[in-house]
Amino acid sequence: QVQLVESGGGLVQAGGSLRLSCAASGRTIRSYNMAWFRQAPGREREFVAAIQWSGTTHSSPDSVKGRCTISRDNTKNTVYLQMNSLKPEDTAVYYCATNRNPFAPLFTTIAEYDYWGQGTQVTVSS
């Protein structure tokens, strides 16, 4: 069974940086897409960034444009989200996700992801 465990969240001042980690177990991530989503209080879950099994990446043009980098370390079975120049509106629970099928196209919608972590809270103070 695939399990995803996020870490690295916390309280940071506006302008600061955080690196989130998502450790996967139950299978190797090498052949699968990995993604980050976030959900702020009272808002729907939204796409942040994704990395394909090939290494191709895509970040949301709206929410985190130019301020985040997704990466993966297949040897550690872990995916990362580096976030810089954080703003109070980045405050949310950040979720890691992966899909069921290997070698898939890169998707940005919630419905395309089958396995989710429990999330890690990121709070940005002004």
C-alpha atoms as a PDB file:
ATOM      1  CA  GLN A   1       0.000   0.000   0.000  1.00  0.00           C
ATOM      2  CA  VAL A   2       1.314   3.391  -0.946  1.00  0.00           C
ATOM      3  CA  GLN A   3       1.873   5.793   1.920  1.00  0.00           C
ATOM      4  CA  LEU A   4       2.968   9.402   1.697  1.00  0.00           C
ATOM      5  CA  VAL A   5       4.249  11.353   4.686  1.00  0.00           C
ATOM      6  CA  GLU A   6       4.810  15.089   4.433  1.00  0.00           C
ATOM      7  CA  SER A   7       7.135  17.071   6.659  1.00  0.00           C
ATOM      8  CA  GLY A   8       8.863  20.425   6.803  1.00  0.00           C
ATOM      9  CA  GLY A   9       5.918  22.688   7.422  1.00  0.00           C
ATOM     10  CA  GLY A  10       5.850  25.274  10.161  1.00  0.00           C
ATOM     11  CA  LEU A  11       5.575  28.946  10.984  1.00  0.00           C
ATOM     12  CA  VAL A  12       7.633  31.344   8.914  1.00  0.00           C
ATOM     13  CA  GLN A  13       7.660  35.100   8.424  1.00  0.00           C
ATOM     14  CA  ALA A  14       6.652  36.656   5.145  1.00  0.00           C
ATOM     15  CA  GLY A  15       9.589  36.628   2.759  1.00  0.00           C
ATOM     16  CA  GLY A  16      11.010  33.491   4.266  1.00  0.00           C
ATOM     17  CA  SER A  17      11.534  30.040   2.784  1.00  0.00           C
ATOM     18  CA  LEU A  18      10.551  26.483   3.545  1.00  0.00           C
ATOM     19  CA  ARG A  19      11.364  23.131   2.032  1.00  0.00           C
ATOM     20  CA  LEU A  20       8.665  20.520   2.311  1.00  0.00           C
ATOM     21  CA  SER A  21       9.431  16.836   1.983  1.00  0.00           C
ATOM     22  CA  CYS A  22       7.226  13.922   1.046  1.00  0.00           C
ATOM     23  CA  ALA A  23       8.544  10.477   1.833  1.00  0.00           C
ATOM     24  CA  ALA A  24       6.877   7.613   0.017  1.00  0.00           C
ATOM     25  CA  SER A  25       6.683   3.988   1.060  1.00  0.00           C
ATOM     26  CA  GLY A  26       5.050   0.924  -0.388  1.00  0.00           C
ATOM     27  CA  ARG A  27       6.549   1.382  -3.824  1.00  0.00           C
ATOM     28  CA  THR A  28       9.341   3.221  -5.544  1.00  0.00           C
ATOM     29  CA  ILE A  29       8.425   6.662  -6.866  1.00  0.00           C
ATOM     30  CA  ARG A  30      10.758   6.316  -9.825  1.00  0.00           C
ATOM     31  CA  SER A  31       8.035   5.522 -12.356  1.00  0.00           C
ATOM     32  CA  TYR A  32       5.294   7.740 -10.984  1.00  0.00           C
ATOM     33  CA  ASN A  33       4.269  11.347 -11.022  1.00  0.00           C
ATOM     34  CA  MET A  34       4.345  13.256  -7.750  1.00  0.00           C
ATOM     35  CA  ALA A  35       2.515  16.455  -6.946  1.00  0.00           C
ATOM     36  CA  TRP A  36       1.867  19.045  -4.284  1.00  0.00           C
ATOM     37  CA  PHE A  37      -1.500  20.601  -3.584  1.00  0.00           C
ATOM     38  CA  ARG A  38      -2.584  22.967  -0.860  1.00  0.00           C
ATOM     39  CA  GLN A  39      -5.773  23.883   0.921  1.00  0.00           C
ATOM     40  CA  ALA A  40      -6.318  27.089   2.824  1.00  0.00           C
ATOM     41  CA  PRO A  41      -9.127  27.462   5.376  1.00  0.00           C
ATOM     42  CA  GLY A  42     -12.469  27.895   3.660  1.00  0.00           C
ATOM     43  CA  ARG A  43     -11.012  27.295   0.226  1.00  0.00           C
ATOM     44  CA  GLU A  44     -10.840  24.401  -2.175  1.00  0.00           C
ATOM     45  CA  ARG A  45      -7.735  22.322  -2.556  1.00  0.00           C
ATOM     46  CA  GLU A  46      -5.575  23.697  -5.333  1.00  0.00           C
ATOM     47  CA  PHE A  47      -2.661  22.537  -7.418  1.00  0.00           C
ATOM     48  CA  VAL A  48       0.802  23.829  -6.556  1.00  0.00           C
ATOM     49  CA  ALA A  49       3.356  21.828  -8.532  1.00  0.00           C
ATOM     50  CA  ALA A  50       3.982  18.421 -10.057  1.00  0.00           C
ATOM     51  CA  ILE A  51       6.925  16.429 -11.301  1.00  0.00           C
ATOM     52  CA  GLN A  52       6.593  13.687 -13.842  1.00  0.00           C
ATOM     53  CA  TRP A  53       8.391  10.352 -13.667  1.00  0.00           C
ATOM     54  CA  SER A  54      10.612  11.742 -16.466  1.00  0.00           C
ATOM     55  CA  GLY A  55      11.637  14.758 -14.390  1.00  0.00           C
ATOM     56  CA  THR A  56       9.466  17.246 -16.230  1.00  0.00           C
ATOM     57  CA  THR A  57       7.972  19.764 -13.843  1.00  0.00           C
ATOM     58  CA  HIS A  58       5.017  22.114 -13.857  1.00  0.00           C
ATOM     59  CA  SER A  59       4.089  24.746 -11.307  1.00  0.00           C
ATOM     60  CA  SER A  60       0.870  26.637 -10.916  1.00  0.00           C
ATOM     61  CA  PRO A  61       0.993  29.922 -12.824  1.00  0.00           C
ATOM     62  CA  ASP A  62      -1.368  31.483 -10.320  1.00  0.00           C
ATOM     63  CA  SER A  63      -0.688  30.465  -6.768  1.00  0.00           C
ATOM     64  CA  VAL A  64       3.086  30.153  -6.553  1.00  0.00           C
ATOM     65  CA  LYS A  65       4.384  31.471  -9.819  1.00  0.00           C
ATOM     66  CA  GLY A  66       8.148  31.756  -9.791  1.00  0.00           C
ATOM     67  CA  ARG A  67       8.393  31.070  -6.084  1.00  0.00           C
ATOM     68  CA  CYS A  68       8.510  27.327  -5.803  1.00  0.00           C
ATOM     69  CA  THR A  69      10.556  24.447  -7.136  1.00  0.00           C
ATOM     70  CA  ILE A  70       9.544  20.807  -7.075  1.00  0.00           C
ATOM     71  CA  SER A  71      12.198  18.130  -7.192  1.00  0.00           C
ATOM     72  CA  ARG A  72      12.584  14.449  -6.534  1.00  0.00           C
ATOM     73  CA  ASP A  73      15.253  12.126  -5.214  1.00  0.00           C
ATOM     74  CA  ASN A  74      14.400   8.663  -6.415  1.00  0.00           C
ATOM     75  CA  THR A  75      17.172   7.141  -4.332  1.00  0.00           C
ATOM     76  CA  LYS A  76      15.479   8.460  -1.209  1.00  0.00           C
ATOM     77  CA  ASN A  77      11.975   7.877  -2.518  1.00  0.00           C
ATOM     78  CA  THR A  78      11.233  11.464  -1.638  1.00  0.00           C
ATOM     79  CA  VAL A  79       9.868  14.524  -3.377  1.00  0.00           C
ATOM     80  CA  TYR A  80      10.504  18.082  -2.259  1.00  0.00           C
ATOM     81  CA  LEU A  81       8.853  21.465  -2.585  1.00  0.00           C
ATOM     82  CA  GLN A  82      11.126  24.447  -2.084  1.00  0.00           C
ATOM     83  CA  MET A  83       9.133  27.603  -1.470  1.00  0.00           C
ATOM     84  CA  ASN A  84      10.693  31.056  -1.407  1.00  0.00           C
ATOM     85  CA  SER A  85       9.430  34.582  -0.828  1.00  0.00           C
ATOM     86  CA  LEU A  86       6.521  33.213   1.134  1.00  0.00           C
ATOM     87  CA  LYS A  87       3.421  35.358   1.558  1.00  0.00           C
ATOM     88  CA  PRO A  88       0.638  35.196   4.149  1.00  0.00           C
ATOM     89  CA  GLU A  89      -1.690  33.935   1.418  1.00  0.00           C
ATOM     90  CA  ASP A  90       0.521  30.848   1.127  1.00  0.00           C
ATOM     91  CA  THR A  91      -0.786  29.749   4.512  1.00  0.00           C
ATOM     92  CA  ALA A  92      -2.406  26.356   3.990  1.00  0.00           C
ATOM     93  CA  VAL A  93      -2.110  22.659   4.558  1.00  0.00           C
ATOM     94  CA  TYR A  94       0.179  21.258   1.889  1.00  0.00           C
ATOM     95  CA  TYR A  95      -0.524  17.770   0.582  1.00  0.00           C
ATOM     96  CA  CYS A  96       1.625  15.384  -1.379  1.00  0.00           C
ATOM     97  CA  ALA A  97      -0.021  13.120  -3.927  1.00  0.00           C
ATOM     98  CA  THR A  98       0.806  10.457  -6.470  1.00  0.00           C
ATOM     99  CA  ASN A  99      -1.124   8.519  -9.047  1.00  0.00           C
ATOM    100  CA  ARG A 100      -1.826   4.837  -9.486  1.00  0.00           C
ATOM    101  CA  ASN A 101      -0.460   4.306 -12.962  1.00  0.00           C
ATOM    102  CA  PRO A 102       3.211   4.468 -13.915  1.00  0.00           C
ATOM    103  CA  PHE A 103       4.590   6.523 -16.787  1.00  0.00           C
ATOM    104  CA  ALA A 104       1.518   8.739 -16.856  1.00  0.00           C
ATOM    105  CA  PRO A 105       1.145  12.155 -18.460  1.00  0.00           C
ATOM    106  CA  LEU A 106       1.628  15.032 -16.087  1.00  0.00           C
ATOM    107  CA  PHE A 107      -1.661  16.113 -14.556  1.00  0.00           C
ATOM    108  CA  THR A 108      -2.594  19.083 -12.422  1.00  0.00           C
ATOM    109  CA  THR A 109      -6.074  18.106 -11.295  1.00  0.00           C
ATOM    110  CA  ILE A 110      -7.027  16.493  -8.008  1.00  0.00           C
ATOM    111  CA  ALA A 111      -9.024  13.731  -9.681  1.00  0.00           C
ATOM    112  CA  GLU A 112      -5.947  12.353 -11.402  1.00  0.00           C
ATOM    113  CA  TYR A 113      -4.175  11.570  -8.144  1.00  0.00           C
ATOM    114  CA  ASP A 114      -5.018   8.439  -6.202  1.00  0.00           C
ATOM    115  CA  TYR A 115      -2.857   8.513  -3.088  1.00  0.00           C
ATOM    116  CA  TRP A 116      -2.564  11.394  -0.666  1.00  0.00           C
ATOM    117  CA  GLY A 117      -0.608  12.216   2.433  1.00  0.00           C
ATOM    118  CA  GLN A 118      -2.053  13.684   5.597  1.00  0.00           C
ATOM    119  CA  GLY A 119      -0.647  17.112   4.904  1.00  0.00           C
ATOM    120  CA  THR A 120       1.721  19.501   6.610  1.00  0.00           C
ATOM    121  CA  GLN A 121       0.695  22.920   7.872  1.00  0.00           C
ATOM    122  CA  VAL A 122       2.456  25.990   6.539  1.00  0.00           C
ATOM    123  CA  THR A 123       1.715  29.277   8.272  1.00  0.00           C
ATOM    124  CA  VAL A 124       3.173  32.522   7.002  1.00  0.00           C
ATOM    125  CA  SER A 125       2.982  35.497   9.323  1.00  0.00           C
ATOM    126  CA  SER A 126       2.945  39.060   8.085  1.00  0.00           C
END
